[in-house]
Amino acid sequence: MRSAIVGFAIVAALHTSLTAGQSSHPGPGQSTKNSVVVTMVASKLRYNRELFWENIEIQADDGVVTLSGNVSTQERADLAVKLASETSLVKRVENKMTVAR
């Protein structure tokens, strides 16, 4: 699984994290594919004027993208999901973002 954080004009360095039951040796090219998906989604979110300052973490695992973190409005959360789902290689988007009250 690969992840990045978008916010405050920074795309954080990608890092690998393993989940229970997941092999420590992903299939050939899977780690690279996850990194590519995270980078593509992060670029779309970072360069969107509405989402530029939002703190959104992006994780990818075999085409499933998980968005988490805090956003200022529901509309911005919806926009992030829409942009991620329209990204090449993304099969599904899971929204785990919270909206600030």
C-alpha atoms as a PDB file:
ATOM      1  CA  MET A   1       0.000   0.000   0.000  1.00  0.00           C
ATOM      2  CA  ARG A   2       1.336   3.441  -0.863  1.00  0.00           C
ATOM      3  CA  SER A   3       0.299   6.756   0.629  1.00  0.00           C
ATOM      4  CA  ALA A   4       0.892  10.483   0.478  1.00  0.00           C
ATOM      5  CA  ILE A   5      -0.483  13.542   2.200  1.00  0.00           C
ATOM      6  CA  VAL A   6      -1.653  16.576   0.275  1.00  0.00           C
ATOM      7  CA  GLY A   7      -1.900  19.905   2.045  1.00  0.00           C
ATOM      8  CA  PHE A   8      -0.205  23.201   2.678  1.00  0.00           C
ATOM      9  CA  ALA A   9       1.340  23.033  -0.785  1.00  0.00           C
ATOM     10  CA  ILE A  10       3.240  19.862   0.050  1.00  0.00           C
ATOM     11  CA  VAL A  11       2.962  16.333  -1.268  1.00  0.00           C
ATOM     12  CA  ALA A  12       4.616  14.216   1.398  1.00  0.00           C
ATOM     13  CA  ALA A  13       7.108  11.532   0.491  1.00  0.00           C
ATOM     14  CA  LEU A  14       5.577   8.207  -0.374  1.00  0.00           C
ATOM     15  CA  HIS A  15       6.001   5.463   2.168  1.00  0.00           C
ATOM     16  CA  THR A  16       5.105   1.791   2.328  1.00  0.00           C
ATOM     17  CA  SER A  17       2.796   0.471   5.009  1.00  0.00           C
ATOM     18  CA  LEU A  18       1.642  -3.096   5.388  1.00  0.00           C
ATOM     19  CA  THR A  19      -1.758  -4.259   6.528  1.00  0.00           C
ATOM     20  CA  ALA A  20      -2.627  -7.478   8.320  1.00  0.00           C
ATOM     21  CA  GLY A  21      -2.510 -10.438   5.995  1.00  0.00           C
ATOM     22  CA  GLN A  22      -0.686  -8.561   3.271  1.00  0.00           C
ATOM     23  CA  SER A  23       2.580 -10.039   2.099  1.00  0.00           C
ATOM     24  CA  SER A  24       5.730  -8.054   2.748  1.00  0.00           C
ATOM     25  CA  HIS A  25       6.627  -8.787  -0.871  1.00  0.00           C
ATOM     26  CA  PRO A  26       3.968  -7.337  -3.192  1.00  0.00           C
ATOM     27  CA  GLY A  27       3.639  -8.845  -6.650  1.00  0.00           C
ATOM     28  CA  PRO A  28       5.882  -7.650  -9.447  1.00  0.00           C
ATOM     29  CA  GLY A  29       5.180  -4.032 -10.214  1.00  0.00           C
ATOM     30  CA  GLN A  30       2.384  -3.710  -7.631  1.00  0.00           C
ATOM     31  CA  SER A  31       4.332  -1.392  -5.356  1.00  0.00           C
ATOM     32  CA  THR A  32       5.279   0.749  -8.340  1.00  0.00           C
ATOM     33  CA  LYS A  33       1.678   0.800  -9.595  1.00  0.00           C
ATOM     34  CA  ASN A  34       0.443   1.896  -6.151  1.00  0.00           C
ATOM     35  CA  SER A  35       3.047   4.673  -6.101  1.00  0.00           C
ATOM     36  CA  VAL A  36       1.953   5.856  -9.533  1.00  0.00           C
ATOM     37  CA  VAL A  37      -1.722   5.922  -8.488  1.00  0.00           C
ATOM     38  CA  VAL A  38      -0.935   7.875  -5.305  1.00  0.00           C
ATOM     39  CA  THR A  39       1.181  10.360  -7.244  1.00  0.00           C
ATOM     40  CA  MET A  40      -1.489  10.871  -9.906  1.00  0.00           C
ATOM     41  CA  VAL A  41      -4.282  11.400  -7.362  1.00  0.00           C
ATOM     42  CA  ALA A  42      -2.077  13.656  -5.199  1.00  0.00           C
ATOM     43  CA  SER A  43      -1.286  15.814  -8.224  1.00  0.00           C
ATOM     44  CA  LYS A  44      -4.949  16.217  -9.107  1.00  0.00           C
ATOM     45  CA  LEU A  45      -5.873  17.194  -5.551  1.00  0.00           C
ATOM     46  CA  ARG A  46      -2.886  19.449  -4.952  1.00  0.00           C
ATOM     47  CA  TYR A  47      -3.381  21.442  -8.135  1.00  0.00           C
ATOM     48  CA  ASN A  48      -7.092  21.973  -7.593  1.00  0.00           C
ATOM     49  CA  ARG A  49      -7.717  25.470  -6.210  1.00  0.00           C
ATOM     50  CA  GLU A  50     -10.462  24.274  -3.860  1.00  0.00           C
ATOM     51  CA  LEU A  51      -8.350  21.474  -2.361  1.00  0.00           C
ATOM     52  CA  PHE A  52      -4.895  23.059  -2.318  1.00  0.00           C
ATOM     53  CA  TRP A  53      -4.894  23.813   1.436  1.00  0.00           C
ATOM     54  CA  GLU A  54      -6.804  20.737   2.576  1.00  0.00           C
ATOM     55  CA  ASN A  55      -5.052  18.001   4.568  1.00  0.00           C
ATOM     56  CA  ILE A  56      -5.903  14.808   2.693  1.00  0.00           C
ATOM     57  CA  GLU A  57      -3.994  11.547   3.009  1.00  0.00           C
ATOM     58  CA  ILE A  58      -4.029   9.300  -0.041  1.00  0.00           C
ATOM     59  CA  GLN A  59      -3.398   5.568   0.054  1.00  0.00           C
ATOM     60  CA  ALA A  60      -3.568   3.134  -2.843  1.00  0.00           C
ATOM     61  CA  ASP A  61      -3.734  -0.641  -2.826  1.00  0.00           C
ATOM     62  CA  ASP A  62      -4.327  -2.454  -6.117  1.00  0.00           C
ATOM     63  CA  GLY A  63      -6.449   0.332  -7.605  1.00  0.00           C
ATOM     64  CA  VAL A  64      -8.447   1.033  -4.438  1.00  0.00           C
ATOM     65  CA  VAL A  65      -7.746   4.573  -3.245  1.00  0.00           C
ATOM     66  CA  THR A  66      -8.511   5.592   0.326  1.00  0.00           C
ATOM     67  CA  LEU A  67      -8.817   9.293   1.142  1.00  0.00           C
ATOM     68  CA  SER A  68      -8.580  10.277   4.801  1.00  0.00           C
ATOM     69  CA  GLY A  69      -7.798  13.368   6.817  1.00  0.00           C
ATOM     70  CA  ASN A  70      -9.695  16.550   7.555  1.00  0.00           C
ATOM     71  CA  VAL A  71     -11.371  18.869   5.058  1.00  0.00           C
ATOM     72  CA  SER A  72     -13.166  22.148   5.662  1.00  0.00           C
ATOM     73  CA  THR A  73     -16.454  21.368   3.849  1.00  0.00           C
ATOM     74  CA  GLN A  74     -18.477  18.430   2.581  1.00  0.00           C
ATOM     75  CA  GLU A  75     -18.323  19.915  -0.911  1.00  0.00           C
ATOM     76  CA  ARG A  76     -14.534  19.719  -0.851  1.00  0.00           C
ATOM     77  CA  ALA A  77     -14.636  16.123   0.370  1.00  0.00           C
ATOM     78  CA  ASP A  78     -17.017  15.280  -2.469  1.00  0.00           C
ATOM     79  CA  LEU A  79     -14.740  17.034  -4.957  1.00  0.00           C
ATOM     80  CA  ALA A  80     -11.715  15.066  -3.731  1.00  0.00           C
ATOM     81  CA  VAL A  81     -13.606  11.790  -4.175  1.00  0.00           C
ATOM     82  CA  LYS A  82     -14.764  12.826  -7.647  1.00  0.00           C
ATOM     83  CA  LEU A  83     -11.275  13.804  -8.799  1.00  0.00           C
ATOM     84  CA  ALA A  84      -9.729  10.630  -7.378  1.00  0.00           C
ATOM     85  CA  SER A  85     -12.367   8.416  -8.987  1.00  0.00           C
ATOM     86  CA  GLU A  86     -11.723  10.043 -12.380  1.00  0.00           C
ATOM     87  CA  THR A  87      -8.018   9.196 -12.188  1.00  0.00           C
ATOM     88  CA  SER A  88      -6.575   6.535 -14.456  1.00  0.00           C
ATOM     89  CA  LEU A  89      -5.888   3.160 -12.770  1.00  0.00           C
ATOM     90  CA  VAL A  90      -8.333   3.913  -9.909  1.00  0.00           C
ATOM     91  CA  LYS A  91     -10.950   1.180  -9.523  1.00  0.00           C
ATOM     92  CA  ARG A  92     -12.698   2.472  -6.401  1.00  0.00           C
ATOM     93  CA  VAL A  93     -12.403   5.322  -3.888  1.00  0.00           C
ATOM     94  CA  GLU A  94     -13.072   4.911  -0.179  1.00  0.00           C
ATOM     95  CA  ASN A  95     -13.893   8.164   1.605  1.00  0.00           C
ATOM     96  CA  LYS A  96     -12.669   8.259   5.201  1.00  0.00           C
ATOM     97  CA  MET A  97     -12.321  12.037   5.367  1.00  0.00           C
ATOM     98  CA  THR A  98     -13.877  14.036   8.186  1.00  0.00           C
ATOM     99  CA  VAL A  99     -15.417  17.452   7.738  1.00  0.00           C
ATOM    100  CA  ALA A 100     -14.419  20.171  10.210  1.00  0.00           C
ATOM    101  CA  ARG A 101     -17.348  21.526  12.246  1.00  0.00           C
END
